[in-house]
Amino acid sequence: MEPIRVLLVDDEPKVLRGLLMRLGLEADICVVGEAADGATAVDLAGLLSPDVVLMDVNLPVIDGISATRELAARVPQAAVVILSLHDDRATIERALAAGAVAFVGKQQMDGDLLGAIRMAAEKVKGGALGKTTEALGKITDQTERITRKEQE
């Protein structure tokens, strides 16, 4: 299976380095590029064709929510996961309305972030990941039915 191609977008170099190091530990995730502003993110996404764009909200040039809206129009095959310190309801609703598929607060980064990236990639790729998930669901359903029959 091909790794999930991720574009990182944050204007804080320390955050970018931390994300790069953390995601580098995951065998199924490959960081294909980095951007420090929303305009560069949109341009890079068009060139690099990432599966997932991990985007901060507060960015120079074009903010993360506007960049998400532009990505949805120009690079619809890339799923956007918003990563932000601002996890209030209004910001989350604006991000999702702009086309983000997930929102993760920076204070909840580790487990939630990896799950959000994988879920976003599954939505985009559908294919192999979606079929695997569907097949596992069917196997689980069949196993539960067999177990219930055995108990009766």
N, C-alpha and C. Protein backbone atom coordinates (compact mmCIF):
# COMPACT_ATOMS: atom_id res chain seq x y z
N MET A 1 0.84 -1.18 0.00
CA MET A 1 0.00 0.00 0.00
C MET A 1 0.88 1.24 0.00
N GLU A 2 0.52 2.22 -0.81
CA GLU A 2 1.27 3.47 -0.88
C GLU A 2 1.05 4.29 0.39
N PRO A 3 2.09 5.02 0.84
CA PRO A 3 1.92 5.84 2.04
C PRO A 3 0.99 7.02 1.78
N ILE A 4 0.45 7.56 2.84
CA ILE A 4 -0.39 8.75 2.77
C ILE A 4 0.53 9.95 2.56
N ARG A 5 0.30 10.68 1.49
CA ARG A 5 1.12 11.85 1.15
C ARG A 5 0.55 13.08 1.85
N VAL A 6 1.38 13.72 2.70
CA VAL A 6 0.92 14.84 3.52
C VAL A 6 1.71 16.10 3.22
N LEU A 7 1.01 17.21 3.08
CA LEU A 7 1.61 18.54 2.97
C LEU A 7 1.37 19.25 4.30
N LEU A 8 2.45 19.73 4.94
CA LEU A 8 2.34 20.42 6.23
C LEU A 8 2.31 21.93 5.99
N VAL A 9 1.39 22.62 6.69
CA VAL A 9 1.27 24.06 6.54
C VAL A 9 1.14 24.71 7.91
N ASP A 10 2.20 25.42 8.31
CA ASP A 10 2.21 26.15 9.59
C ASP A 10 3.29 27.21 9.50
N ASP A 11 3.03 28.38 10.06
CA ASP A 11 4.01 29.46 9.99
C ASP A 11 5.04 29.42 11.12
N GLU A 12 4.92 28.46 12.01
CA GLU A 12 5.89 28.31 13.11
C GLU A 12 6.89 27.21 12.75
N PRO A 13 8.15 27.57 12.53
CA PRO A 13 9.16 26.56 12.15
C PRO A 13 9.28 25.42 13.17
N LYS A 14 9.13 25.72 14.46
CA LYS A 14 9.23 24.66 15.47
C LYS A 14 8.08 23.66 15.34
N VAL A 15 6.90 24.16 15.04
CA VAL A 15 5.75 23.27 14.85
C VAL A 15 5.97 22.38 13.62
N LEU A 16 6.44 23.00 12.53
CA LEU A 16 6.71 22.22 11.32
C LEU A 16 7.74 21.12 11.59
N ARG A 17 8.82 21.47 12.27
CA ARG A 17 9.86 20.47 12.58
C ARG A 17 9.30 19.36 13.46
N GLY A 18 8.51 19.74 14.48
CA GLY A 18 7.92 18.74 15.36
C GLY A 18 6.99 17.80 14.61
N LEU A 19 6.15 18.36 13.74
CA LEU A 19 5.24 17.54 12.94
C LEU A 19 6.02 16.63 12.00
N LEU A 20 7.05 17.18 11.38
CA LEU A 20 7.86 16.39 10.47
C LEU A 20 8.51 15.21 11.19
N MET A 21 9.05 15.47 12.39
CA MET A 21 9.67 14.39 13.16
C MET A 21 8.63 13.36 13.58
N ARG A 22 7.46 13.81 14.08
CA ARG A 22 6.43 12.89 14.57
C ARG A 22 5.87 12.04 13.44
N LEU A 23 5.52 12.69 12.33
CA LEU A 23 4.93 11.95 11.22
C LEU A 23 5.96 11.03 10.56
N GLY A 24 7.24 11.38 10.67
CA GLY A 24 8.30 10.54 10.13
C GLY A 24 8.40 9.19 10.81
N LEU A 25 7.81 9.07 12.00
CA LEU A 25 7.82 7.80 12.72
C LEU A 25 6.75 6.82 12.21
N GLU A 26 5.83 7.31 11.40
CA GLU A 26 4.72 6.50 10.92
C GLU A 26 5.05 5.91 9.55
N ALA A 27 5.02 4.59 9.45
CA ALA A 27 5.37 3.92 8.19
C ALA A 27 4.39 4.22 7.06
N ASP A 28 3.15 4.55 7.41
CA ASP A 28 2.13 4.76 6.38
C ASP A 28 1.93 6.23 6.01
N ILE A 29 2.80 7.13 6.52
CA ILE A 29 2.67 8.56 6.24
C ILE A 29 3.99 9.09 5.69
N CYS A 30 3.90 9.86 4.60
CA CYS A 30 5.07 10.46 3.98
C CYS A 30 4.82 11.96 3.80
N VAL A 31 5.64 12.80 4.42
CA VAL A 31 5.51 14.25 4.25
C VAL A 31 6.16 14.61 2.92
N VAL A 32 5.36 15.20 2.02
CA VAL A 32 5.84 15.53 0.68
C VAL A 32 6.21 16.99 0.52
N GLY A 33 5.84 17.83 1.49
CA GLY A 33 6.17 19.25 1.38
C GLY A 33 5.77 20.02 2.61
N GLU A 34 6.28 21.25 2.69
CA GLU A 34 5.98 22.14 3.80
C GLU A 34 5.74 23.54 3.27
N ALA A 35 4.82 24.27 3.90
CA ALA A 35 4.55 25.65 3.53
C ALA A 35 4.35 26.46 4.81
N ALA A 36 4.71 27.74 4.75
CA ALA A 36 4.57 28.61 5.92
C ALA A 36 3.44 29.62 5.76
N ASP A 37 2.72 29.58 4.63
CA ASP A 37 1.57 30.47 4.44
C ASP A 37 0.55 29.80 3.54
N GLY A 38 -0.66 30.33 3.57
CA GLY A 38 -1.75 29.71 2.83
C GLY A 38 -1.59 29.75 1.32
N ALA A 39 -1.04 30.83 0.79
CA ALA A 39 -0.87 30.93 -0.67
C ALA A 39 0.11 29.89 -1.18
N THR A 40 1.22 29.74 -0.47
CA THR A 40 2.21 28.73 -0.86
C THR A 40 1.61 27.33 -0.74
N ALA A 41 0.80 27.12 0.28
CA ALA A 41 0.15 25.81 0.46
C ALA A 41 -0.71 25.45 -0.74
N VAL A 42 -1.49 26.41 -1.22
CA VAL A 42 -2.37 26.15 -2.37
C VAL A 42 -1.53 25.83 -3.60
N ASP A 43 -0.46 26.61 -3.82
CA ASP A 43 0.41 26.37 -4.97
C ASP A 43 1.09 25.00 -4.87
N LEU A 44 1.65 24.69 -3.69
CA LEU A 44 2.33 23.40 -3.51
C LEU A 44 1.38 22.22 -3.66
N ALA A 45 0.18 22.36 -3.14
CA ALA A 45 -0.79 21.26 -3.26
C ALA A 45 -1.09 20.96 -4.72
N GLY A 46 -1.15 22.00 -5.55
CA GLY A 46 -1.37 21.79 -6.98
C GLY A 46 -0.21 21.07 -7.64
N LEU A 47 1.01 21.32 -7.16
CA LEU A 47 2.20 20.69 -7.73
C LEU A 47 2.47 19.30 -7.18
N LEU A 48 2.25 19.11 -5.87
CA LEU A 48 2.66 17.87 -5.19
C LEU A 48 1.56 16.81 -5.09
N SER A 49 0.32 17.20 -5.30
CA SER A 49 -0.83 16.28 -5.21
C SER A 49 -0.84 15.47 -3.92
N PRO A 50 -0.85 16.13 -2.76
CA PRO A 50 -0.92 15.37 -1.50
C PRO A 50 -2.29 14.75 -1.32
N ASP A 51 -2.34 13.69 -0.52
CA ASP A 51 -3.63 13.12 -0.14
C ASP A 51 -4.27 13.99 0.92
N VAL A 52 -3.42 14.49 1.84
CA VAL A 52 -3.89 15.27 3.00
C VAL A 52 -3.05 16.53 3.13
N VAL A 53 -3.72 17.66 3.39
CA VAL A 53 -3.04 18.90 3.72
C VAL A 53 -3.35 19.17 5.19
N LEU A 54 -2.30 19.23 6.00
CA LEU A 54 -2.44 19.51 7.43
C LEU A 54 -2.19 21.00 7.61
N MET A 55 -3.24 21.77 7.92
CA MET A 55 -3.23 23.22 7.81
C MET A 55 -3.55 23.92 9.13
N ASP A 56 -2.71 24.89 9.49
CA ASP A 56 -2.99 25.76 10.62
C ASP A 56 -4.03 26.80 10.20
N VAL A 57 -4.70 27.42 11.16
CA VAL A 57 -5.70 28.44 10.84
C VAL A 57 -5.03 29.80 10.65
N ASN A 58 -4.20 30.20 11.61
CA ASN A 58 -3.56 31.52 11.57
C ASN A 58 -2.30 31.46 10.73
N LEU A 59 -2.42 31.89 9.48
CA LEU A 59 -1.30 31.89 8.55
C LEU A 59 -1.19 33.25 7.88
N PRO A 60 0.03 33.65 7.50
CA PRO A 60 0.19 34.88 6.74
C PRO A 60 -0.25 34.70 5.28
N VAL A 61 -0.37 35.79 4.58
CA VAL A 61 -0.75 35.89 3.18
C VAL A 61 -2.22 35.48 2.99
N ILE A 62 -2.53 34.20 3.11
CA ILE A 62 -3.92 33.72 3.09
C ILE A 62 -4.09 32.85 4.34
N ASP A 63 -5.10 33.14 5.15
CA ASP A 63 -5.30 32.35 6.37
C ASP A 63 -5.72 30.92 6.00
N GLY A 64 -5.62 30.01 6.98
CA GLY A 64 -5.88 28.60 6.74
C GLY A 64 -7.29 28.28 6.27
N ILE A 65 -8.26 29.03 6.75
CA ILE A 65 -9.65 28.75 6.34
C ILE A 65 -9.88 29.19 4.89
N SER A 66 -9.35 30.35 4.52
CA SER A 66 -9.45 30.79 3.12
C SER A 66 -8.67 29.86 2.20
N ALA A 67 -7.50 29.42 2.64
CA ALA A 67 -6.70 28.48 1.84
C ALA A 67 -7.44 27.15 1.68
N THR A 68 -8.13 26.72 2.72
CA THR A 68 -8.91 25.48 2.65
C THR A 68 -10.01 25.62 1.60
N ARG A 69 -10.69 26.75 1.60
CA ARG A 69 -11.74 27.00 0.62
C ARG A 69 -11.16 26.97 -0.81
N GLU A 70 -10.01 27.60 -0.98
CA GLU A 70 -9.36 27.63 -2.29
C GLU A 70 -8.89 26.23 -2.71
N LEU A 71 -8.36 25.47 -1.76
CA LEU A 71 -7.94 24.09 -2.06
C LEU A 71 -9.12 23.23 -2.50
N ALA A 72 -10.25 23.41 -1.84
CA ALA A 72 -11.44 22.63 -2.19
C ALA A 72 -11.84 22.88 -3.64
N ALA A 73 -11.62 24.10 -4.12
CA ALA A 73 -11.97 24.44 -5.50
C ALA A 73 -10.88 24.03 -6.49
N ARG A 74 -9.61 24.24 -6.11
CA ARG A 74 -8.50 24.02 -7.06
C ARG A 74 -7.85 22.64 -6.99
N VAL A 75 -7.86 22.03 -5.81
CA VAL A 75 -7.22 20.71 -5.63
C VAL A 75 -8.18 19.83 -4.82
N PRO A 76 -9.34 19.51 -5.40
CA PRO A 76 -10.37 18.79 -4.63
C PRO A 76 -9.98 17.39 -4.20
N GLN A 77 -8.95 16.81 -4.81
CA GLN A 77 -8.53 15.47 -4.43
C GLN A 77 -7.71 15.47 -3.15
N ALA A 78 -7.36 16.64 -2.61
CA ALA A 78 -6.61 16.73 -1.35
C ALA A 78 -7.57 17.03 -0.20
N ALA A 79 -7.55 16.22 0.82
CA ALA A 79 -8.38 16.44 2.00
C ALA A 79 -7.63 17.35 2.97
N VAL A 80 -8.33 18.32 3.55
CA VAL A 80 -7.70 19.24 4.48
C VAL A 80 -8.07 18.87 5.91
N VAL A 81 -7.04 18.74 6.75
CA VAL A 81 -7.21 18.57 8.19
C VAL A 81 -6.69 19.85 8.82
N ILE A 82 -7.54 20.54 9.55
CA ILE A 82 -7.12 21.78 10.23
C ILE A 82 -6.52 21.41 11.58
N LEU A 83 -5.37 22.02 11.86
CA LEU A 83 -4.67 21.84 13.12
C LEU A 83 -4.48 23.23 13.71
N SER A 84 -5.10 23.51 14.87
CA SER A 84 -5.04 24.87 15.38
C SER A 84 -5.14 24.93 16.89
N LEU A 85 -4.56 25.99 17.45
CA LEU A 85 -4.75 26.27 18.88
C LEU A 85 -6.17 26.78 19.13
N HIS A 86 -6.75 27.40 18.12
CA HIS A 86 -8.09 27.98 18.25
C HIS A 86 -9.13 26.92 17.94
N ASP A 87 -9.57 26.22 19.00
CA ASP A 87 -10.53 25.14 18.78
C ASP A 87 -11.91 25.49 19.33
N ASP A 88 -12.26 26.78 19.22
CA ASP A 88 -13.60 27.19 19.62
C ASP A 88 -14.61 26.77 18.55
N ARG A 89 -15.85 26.70 18.94
CA ARG A 89 -16.91 26.21 18.04
C ARG A 89 -16.99 26.99 16.73
N ALA A 90 -16.89 28.33 16.80
CA ALA A 90 -17.01 29.16 15.60
C ALA A 90 -15.89 28.85 14.60
N THR A 91 -14.66 28.69 15.08
CA THR A 91 -13.53 28.38 14.20
C THR A 91 -13.70 27.00 13.57
N ILE A 92 -14.11 26.04 14.38
CA ILE A 92 -14.32 24.69 13.85
C ILE A 92 -15.40 24.70 12.77
N GLU A 93 -16.50 25.39 13.02
CA GLU A 93 -17.60 25.45 12.04
C GLU A 93 -17.15 26.13 10.76
N ARG A 94 -16.36 27.23 10.87
CA ARG A 94 -15.86 27.92 9.68
C ARG A 94 -14.93 27.01 8.87
N ALA A 95 -14.08 26.27 9.58
CA ALA A 95 -13.14 25.37 8.89
C ALA A 95 -13.88 24.27 8.15
N LEU A 96 -14.85 23.66 8.79
CA LEU A 96 -15.61 22.58 8.15
C LEU A 96 -16.45 23.11 6.99
N ALA A 97 -17.02 24.31 7.15
CA ALA A 97 -17.80 24.92 6.08
C ALA A 97 -16.92 25.25 4.87
N ALA A 98 -15.64 25.54 5.11
CA ALA A 98 -14.70 25.86 4.03
C ALA A 98 -14.26 24.60 3.27
N GLY A 99 -14.52 23.42 3.86
CA GLY A 99 -14.18 22.19 3.16
C GLY A 99 -13.23 21.26 3.90
N ALA A 100 -12.81 21.64 5.11
CA ALA A 100 -11.95 20.74 5.89
C ALA A 100 -12.73 19.48 6.25
N VAL A 101 -12.04 18.34 6.26
CA VAL A 101 -12.71 17.09 6.61
C VAL A 101 -12.54 16.76 8.09
N ALA A 102 -11.60 17.44 8.75
CA ALA A 102 -11.38 17.20 10.18
C ALA A 102 -10.72 18.42 10.81
N PHE A 103 -10.86 18.54 12.12
CA PHE A 103 -10.27 19.63 12.89
C PHE A 103 -9.66 19.03 14.14
N VAL A 104 -8.38 19.33 14.37
CA VAL A 104 -7.68 18.82 15.54
C VAL A 104 -7.06 19.99 16.28
N GLY A 105 -7.34 20.11 17.58
CA GLY A 105 -6.71 21.13 18.40
C GLY A 105 -5.25 20.77 18.64
N LYS A 106 -4.37 21.76 18.61
CA LYS A 106 -2.94 21.47 18.79
C LYS A 106 -2.66 20.85 20.15
N GLN A 107 -3.50 21.12 21.13
CA GLN A 107 -3.29 20.53 22.45
C GLN A 107 -3.68 19.05 22.49
N GLN A 108 -4.34 18.53 21.45
CA GLN A 108 -4.74 17.12 21.38
C GLN A 108 -4.01 16.41 20.25
N MET A 109 -2.86 16.91 19.89
CA MET A 109 -2.23 16.51 18.63
C MET A 109 -1.95 15.03 18.45
N ASP A 110 -1.37 14.35 19.36
CA ASP A 110 -0.77 13.06 19.03
C ASP A 110 -1.76 12.03 18.47
N GLY A 111 -2.55 11.42 19.30
CA GLY A 111 -3.45 10.36 18.83
C GLY A 111 -4.52 10.88 17.89
N ASP A 112 -5.14 12.01 18.22
CA ASP A 112 -6.20 12.56 17.38
C ASP A 112 -5.68 12.94 16.01
N LEU A 113 -4.47 13.48 15.97
CA LEU A 113 -3.91 13.93 14.70
C LEU A 113 -3.68 12.77 13.74
N LEU A 114 -3.07 11.72 14.23
CA LEU A 114 -2.81 10.56 13.37
C LEU A 114 -4.11 9.94 12.87
N GLY A 115 -5.09 9.84 13.75
CA GLY A 115 -6.39 9.31 13.34
C GLY A 115 -7.06 10.19 12.30
N ALA A 116 -6.97 11.51 12.48
CA ALA A 116 -7.58 12.44 11.53
C ALA A 116 -6.91 12.35 10.16
N ILE A 117 -5.58 12.24 10.14
CA ILE A 117 -4.86 12.12 8.87
C ILE A 117 -5.27 10.84 8.15
N ARG A 118 -5.32 9.75 8.89
CA ARG A 118 -5.69 8.46 8.27
C ARG A 118 -7.13 8.46 7.78
N MET A 119 -8.03 9.05 8.57
CA MET A 119 -9.43 9.14 8.17
C MET A 119 -9.57 10.00 6.92
N ALA A 120 -8.86 11.13 6.88
CA ALA A 120 -8.93 12.02 5.71
C ALA A 120 -8.40 11.31 4.47
N ALA A 121 -7.31 10.58 4.61
CA ALA A 121 -6.75 9.85 3.48
C ALA A 121 -7.71 8.78 3.00
N GLU A 122 -8.39 8.13 3.93
CA GLU A 122 -9.35 7.09 3.55
C GLU A 122 -10.49 7.70 2.74
N LYS A 123 -10.94 8.90 3.12
CA LYS A 123 -12.00 9.56 2.37
C LYS A 123 -11.53 9.89 0.96
N VAL A 124 -10.28 10.36 0.85
CA VAL A 124 -9.75 10.75 -0.45
C VAL A 124 -9.45 9.55 -1.32
N LYS A 125 -8.73 8.60 -0.77
CA LYS A 125 -8.30 7.44 -1.56
C LYS A 125 -9.45 6.47 -1.79
N GLY A 126 -10.37 6.41 -0.81
CA GLY A 126 -11.49 5.48 -0.95
C GLY A 126 -10.98 4.09 -1.25
N GLY A 127 -10.74 3.82 -2.50
CA GLY A 127 -10.20 2.58 -3.04
C GLY A 127 -9.78 1.55 -2.03
N ALA A 128 -8.48 1.34 -1.93
CA ALA A 128 -7.94 0.25 -1.12
C ALA A 128 -8.28 0.41 0.34
N LEU A 129 -8.11 1.60 0.88
CA LEU A 129 -8.41 1.79 2.30
C LEU A 129 -9.90 1.60 2.58
N GLY A 130 -10.73 2.18 1.72
CA GLY A 130 -12.17 2.04 1.92
C GLY A 130 -12.63 0.60 1.79
N LYS A 131 -12.08 -0.11 0.81
CA LYS A 131 -12.46 -1.51 0.61
C LYS A 131 -12.00 -2.38 1.77
N THR A 132 -10.80 -2.07 2.29
CA THR A 132 -10.29 -2.83 3.43
C THR A 132 -11.19 -2.62 4.63
N THR A 133 -11.57 -1.37 4.88
CA THR A 133 -12.44 -1.07 6.01
C THR A 133 -13.80 -1.75 5.83
N GLU A 134 -14.34 -1.71 4.62
CA GLU A 134 -15.62 -2.35 4.33
C GLU A 134 -15.52 -3.86 4.54
N ALA A 135 -14.44 -4.46 4.04
CA ALA A 135 -14.25 -5.91 4.19
C ALA A 135 -14.13 -6.29 5.66
N LEU A 136 -13.38 -5.51 6.42
CA LEU A 136 -13.23 -5.79 7.86
C LEU A 136 -14.58 -5.69 8.56
N GLY A 137 -15.39 -4.71 8.16
CA GLY A 137 -16.71 -4.57 8.74
C GLY A 137 -17.58 -5.78 8.46
N LYS A 138 -17.52 -6.30 7.24
CA LYS A 138 -18.30 -7.49 6.88
C LYS A 138 -17.83 -8.71 7.66
N ILE A 139 -16.51 -8.85 7.79
CA ILE A 139 -15.96 -9.97 8.55
C ILE A 139 -16.41 -9.89 10.01
N THR A 140 -16.37 -8.69 10.58
CA THR A 140 -16.80 -8.50 11.96
C THR A 140 -18.27 -8.85 12.12
N ASP A 141 -19.11 -8.40 11.17
CA ASP A 141 -20.54 -8.71 11.23
C ASP A 141 -20.78 -10.22 11.17
N GLN A 142 -20.07 -10.91 10.27
CA GLN A 142 -20.23 -12.36 10.13
C GLN A 142 -19.79 -13.07 11.40
N THR A 143 -18.68 -12.61 11.98
CA THR A 143 -18.15 -13.22 13.20
C THR A 143 -19.16 -13.04 14.34
N GLU A 144 -19.75 -11.85 14.45
CA GLU A 144 -20.74 -11.61 15.51
C GLU A 144 -21.96 -12.51 15.33
N ARG A 145 -22.41 -12.70 14.08
CA ARG A 145 -23.57 -13.57 13.84
C ARG A 145 -23.26 -15.01 14.22
N ILE A 146 -22.08 -15.48 13.85
CA ILE A 146 -21.68 -16.86 14.17
C ILE A 146 -21.61 -17.03 15.68
N THR A 147 -21.00 -16.05 16.36
CA THR A 147 -20.86 -16.13 17.82
C THR A 147 -22.23 -16.16 18.49
N ARG A 148 -23.17 -15.33 18.03
CA ARG A 148 -24.52 -15.31 18.61
C ARG A 148 -25.22 -16.66 18.42
N LYS A 149 -25.06 -17.26 17.23
CA LYS A 149 -25.67 -18.56 16.96
C LYS A 149 -25.09 -19.64 17.86
N GLU A 150 -23.78 -19.59 18.09
CA GLU A 150 -23.14 -20.56 18.95
C GLU A 150 -23.64 -20.44 20.39
N GLN A 151 -23.93 -19.22 20.82
CA GLN A 151 -24.38 -18.99 22.19
C GLN A 151 -25.79 -19.50 22.39
N GLU A 152 -26.58 -19.48 21.33
CA GLU A 152 -27.97 -19.95 21.42
C GLU A 152 -27.97 -21.42 21.53
